[in-house]
């Protein structure tokens, strides 16, 4: 199982741009851009906390688990 950030979807739901979130949090826009991508392999807990505070959401709204295609393929072999 893998985990994924729903940041891109949440920003769209709230009508907030990545740049606006970066300004709200006082961090660089490329950092938010990376966190909105599907290539996130690590993130600081404090950054997750700041995102949740800025967007007024809980961490379980931000992070979801997804099936790992590799583990599914291995299990069926």
N, C-alpha and C. Protein backbone atom coordinates (compact mmCIF):
# COMPACT_ATOMS: atom_id res chain seq x y z
N UNK A 1 0.84 -1.18 0.00
CA UNK A 1 0.00 0.00 0.00
C UNK A 1 0.89 1.24 0.00
N UNK A 2 0.44 2.25 -0.73
CA UNK A 2 1.12 3.54 -0.78
C UNK A 2 0.19 4.60 -0.21
N UNK A 3 0.78 5.73 0.16
CA UNK A 3 -0.04 6.86 0.57
C UNK A 3 0.12 7.97 -0.46
N UNK A 4 -0.90 8.79 -0.56
CA UNK A 4 -0.91 9.87 -1.54
C UNK A 4 -1.49 11.11 -0.89
N UNK A 5 -0.95 12.25 -1.27
CA UNK A 5 -1.49 13.53 -0.80
C UNK A 5 -2.59 13.98 -1.75
N UNK A 6 -3.69 14.42 -1.20
CA UNK A 6 -4.82 14.92 -1.98
C UNK A 6 -4.75 16.44 -2.14
N UNK A 7 -3.57 17.00 -2.02
CA UNK A 7 -3.42 18.46 -1.99
C UNK A 7 -3.98 19.13 -3.23
N UNK A 8 -3.68 18.61 -4.40
CA UNK A 8 -4.14 19.22 -5.65
C UNK A 8 -5.68 19.26 -5.68
N UNK A 9 -6.32 18.17 -5.29
CA UNK A 9 -7.78 18.11 -5.29
C UNK A 9 -8.39 19.07 -4.26
N UNK A 10 -7.77 19.12 -3.08
CA UNK A 10 -8.29 19.99 -2.02
C UNK A 10 -8.17 21.46 -2.42
N UNK A 11 -7.05 21.82 -3.04
CA UNK A 11 -6.90 23.21 -3.50
C UNK A 11 -7.97 23.55 -4.52
N UNK A 12 -8.25 22.62 -5.44
CA UNK A 12 -9.28 22.86 -6.45
C UNK A 12 -10.65 23.02 -5.79
N UNK A 13 -10.95 22.16 -4.82
CA UNK A 13 -12.23 22.24 -4.12
C UNK A 13 -12.41 23.57 -3.41
N UNK A 14 -11.32 24.09 -2.85
CA UNK A 14 -11.38 25.33 -2.08
C UNK A 14 -11.14 26.57 -2.93
N UNK A 15 -10.80 26.37 -4.20
CA UNK A 15 -10.54 27.51 -5.08
C UNK A 15 -9.29 28.28 -4.72
N UNK A 16 -8.28 27.57 -4.23
CA UNK A 16 -7.02 28.20 -3.82
C UNK A 16 -5.92 27.73 -4.77
N UNK A 17 -5.12 28.67 -5.26
CA UNK A 17 -4.02 28.30 -6.16
C UNK A 17 -2.82 27.82 -5.35
N UNK A 18 -1.94 27.13 -6.03
CA UNK A 18 -0.71 26.68 -5.38
C UNK A 18 0.11 27.87 -4.90
N UNK A 19 0.17 28.91 -5.70
CA UNK A 19 0.92 30.11 -5.30
C UNK A 19 0.32 30.75 -4.05
N UNK A 20 -1.00 30.79 -4.01
CA UNK A 20 -1.68 31.38 -2.86
C UNK A 20 -1.38 30.58 -1.59
N UNK A 21 -1.42 29.26 -1.69
CA UNK A 21 -1.10 28.43 -0.53
C UNK A 21 0.35 28.64 -0.10
N UNK A 22 1.26 28.72 -1.05
CA UNK A 22 2.66 28.97 -0.73
C UNK A 22 2.82 30.28 0.03
N UNK A 23 2.11 31.33 -0.41
CA UNK A 23 2.16 32.62 0.29
C UNK A 23 1.57 32.50 1.69
N UNK A 24 0.45 31.79 1.81
CA UNK A 24 -0.20 31.62 3.12
C UNK A 24 0.73 30.92 4.10
N UNK A 25 1.51 29.97 3.59
CA UNK A 25 2.38 29.16 4.45
C UNK A 25 3.77 29.76 4.61
N UNK A 26 4.12 30.70 3.74
CA UNK A 26 5.46 31.29 3.79
C UNK A 26 6.53 30.34 3.29
N UNK A 27 6.17 29.51 2.30
CA UNK A 27 7.16 28.60 1.70
C UNK A 27 7.22 28.83 0.20
N UNK A 28 8.19 28.23 -0.45
CA UNK A 28 8.38 28.42 -1.89
C UNK A 28 7.29 27.71 -2.70
N UNK A 29 6.87 28.35 -3.79
CA UNK A 29 5.87 27.76 -4.68
C UNK A 29 6.30 26.41 -5.24
N UNK A 30 7.57 26.22 -5.65
CA UNK A 30 7.97 24.90 -6.16
C UNK A 30 7.75 23.77 -5.16
N UNK A 31 7.83 24.07 -3.87
CA UNK A 31 7.58 23.05 -2.85
C UNK A 31 6.13 22.60 -2.91
N UNK A 32 5.20 23.54 -3.01
CA UNK A 32 3.78 23.20 -3.12
C UNK A 32 3.52 22.47 -4.42
N UNK A 33 4.14 22.94 -5.50
CA UNK A 33 3.98 22.29 -6.80
C UNK A 33 4.40 20.83 -6.72
N UNK A 34 5.52 20.56 -6.07
CA UNK A 34 6.00 19.18 -5.92
C UNK A 34 5.01 18.35 -5.09
N UNK A 35 4.48 18.93 -4.03
CA UNK A 35 3.54 18.20 -3.17
C UNK A 35 2.22 17.92 -3.88
N UNK A 36 1.91 18.67 -4.92
CA UNK A 36 0.70 18.43 -5.70
C UNK A 36 0.92 17.38 -6.79
N UNK A 37 2.15 16.99 -7.01
CA UNK A 37 2.44 16.01 -8.06
C UNK A 37 2.26 14.59 -7.54
N UNK A 38 2.36 13.63 -8.45
CA UNK A 38 2.26 12.23 -8.06
C UNK A 38 3.62 11.63 -7.72
N UNK A 39 4.64 12.47 -7.67
CA UNK A 39 6.01 11.99 -7.44
C UNK A 39 6.52 12.24 -6.03
N UNK A 40 5.65 12.50 -5.09
CA UNK A 40 6.07 12.79 -3.72
C UNK A 40 6.50 11.49 -3.05
N UNK A 41 7.74 11.45 -2.59
CA UNK A 41 8.20 10.24 -1.90
C UNK A 41 8.53 10.50 -0.43
N UNK A 42 8.57 11.77 -0.04
CA UNK A 42 8.76 12.11 1.38
C UNK A 42 8.35 13.55 1.61
N UNK A 43 7.89 13.78 2.83
CA UNK A 43 7.47 15.13 3.21
C UNK A 43 7.61 15.23 4.73
N UNK A 44 8.00 16.40 5.18
CA UNK A 44 8.13 16.62 6.62
C UNK A 44 6.75 16.65 7.27
N UNK A 45 6.66 16.07 8.46
CA UNK A 45 5.41 16.09 9.22
C UNK A 45 4.99 17.53 9.48
N UNK A 46 5.92 18.39 9.82
CA UNK A 46 5.60 19.80 10.09
C UNK A 46 4.98 20.46 8.86
N UNK A 47 5.45 20.11 7.66
CA UNK A 47 4.87 20.67 6.44
C UNK A 47 3.42 20.23 6.29
N UNK A 48 3.14 18.95 6.60
CA UNK A 48 1.76 18.46 6.55
C UNK A 48 0.89 19.21 7.56
N UNK A 49 1.43 19.44 8.75
CA UNK A 49 0.70 20.19 9.77
C UNK A 49 0.40 21.61 9.29
N UNK A 50 1.38 22.26 8.66
CA UNK A 50 1.19 23.62 8.17
C UNK A 50 0.14 23.68 7.07
N UNK A 51 0.16 22.68 6.19
CA UNK A 51 -0.85 22.62 5.12
C UNK A 51 -2.23 22.50 5.74
N UNK A 52 -2.36 21.59 6.69
CA UNK A 52 -3.66 21.38 7.35
C UNK A 52 -4.14 22.64 8.05
N UNK A 53 -3.24 23.33 8.72
CA UNK A 53 -3.59 24.57 9.41
C UNK A 53 -4.03 25.64 8.41
N UNK A 54 -3.26 25.79 7.33
CA UNK A 54 -3.55 26.83 6.34
C UNK A 54 -4.88 26.57 5.63
N UNK A 55 -5.21 25.29 5.39
CA UNK A 55 -6.43 24.95 4.66
C UNK A 55 -7.60 24.60 5.57
N UNK A 56 -7.34 24.61 6.87
CA UNK A 56 -8.36 24.26 7.87
C UNK A 56 -8.95 22.87 7.58
N UNK A 57 -8.05 21.89 7.43
CA UNK A 57 -8.45 20.50 7.20
C UNK A 57 -7.70 19.61 8.19
N UNK A 58 -8.08 18.35 8.24
CA UNK A 58 -7.38 17.38 9.08
C UNK A 58 -6.43 16.57 8.22
N UNK A 59 -5.48 15.94 8.86
CA UNK A 59 -4.49 15.17 8.12
C UNK A 59 -5.13 13.98 7.39
N UNK A 60 -6.20 13.42 7.96
CA UNK A 60 -6.85 12.30 7.26
C UNK A 60 -7.62 12.76 6.03
N UNK A 61 -7.89 14.05 5.90
CA UNK A 61 -8.48 14.58 4.68
C UNK A 61 -7.39 14.79 3.62
N UNK A 62 -6.18 15.01 4.07
CA UNK A 62 -5.06 15.30 3.17
C UNK A 62 -4.39 14.05 2.64
N UNK A 63 -4.29 13.02 3.47
CA UNK A 63 -3.56 11.80 3.10
C UNK A 63 -4.53 10.65 2.90
N UNK A 64 -4.38 9.94 1.80
CA UNK A 64 -5.19 8.75 1.54
C UNK A 64 -4.28 7.59 1.18
N UNK A 65 -4.73 6.38 1.44
CA UNK A 65 -3.96 5.21 1.04
C UNK A 65 -4.49 4.73 -0.31
N UNK A 66 -3.58 4.25 -1.12
CA UNK A 66 -3.93 3.74 -2.45
C UNK A 66 -3.28 2.38 -2.64
N UNK A 67 -3.88 1.58 -3.48
CA UNK A 67 -3.32 0.27 -3.78
C UNK A 67 -1.99 0.43 -4.49
N UNK A 68 -1.05 -0.39 -4.13
CA UNK A 68 0.26 -0.41 -4.76
C UNK A 68 0.19 -1.43 -5.89
N UNK A 69 0.31 -1.00 -7.12
CA UNK A 69 0.22 -1.89 -8.28
C UNK A 69 1.24 -3.02 -8.21
N UNK A 70 2.44 -2.73 -7.69
CA UNK A 70 3.48 -3.76 -7.59
C UNK A 70 3.07 -4.88 -6.63
N UNK A 71 2.51 -4.52 -5.47
CA UNK A 71 2.13 -5.55 -4.50
C UNK A 71 0.94 -6.37 -5.00
N UNK A 72 0.04 -5.74 -5.74
CA UNK A 72 -1.09 -6.46 -6.31
C UNK A 72 -0.60 -7.47 -7.32
N UNK A 73 0.36 -7.07 -8.15
CA UNK A 73 0.89 -7.98 -9.16
C UNK A 73 1.64 -9.14 -8.52
N UNK A 74 2.37 -8.87 -7.44
CA UNK A 74 3.13 -9.92 -6.75
C UNK A 74 2.20 -10.92 -6.08
N UNK A 75 1.09 -10.42 -5.49
CA UNK A 75 0.17 -11.28 -4.80
C UNK A 75 -0.55 -12.23 -5.75
N UNK A 76 -0.81 -11.77 -6.97
CA UNK A 76 -1.54 -12.62 -7.91
C UNK A 76 -0.63 -13.58 -8.65
N UNK A 77 0.69 -13.45 -8.49
CA UNK A 77 1.64 -14.34 -9.17
C UNK A 77 1.71 -15.69 -8.49
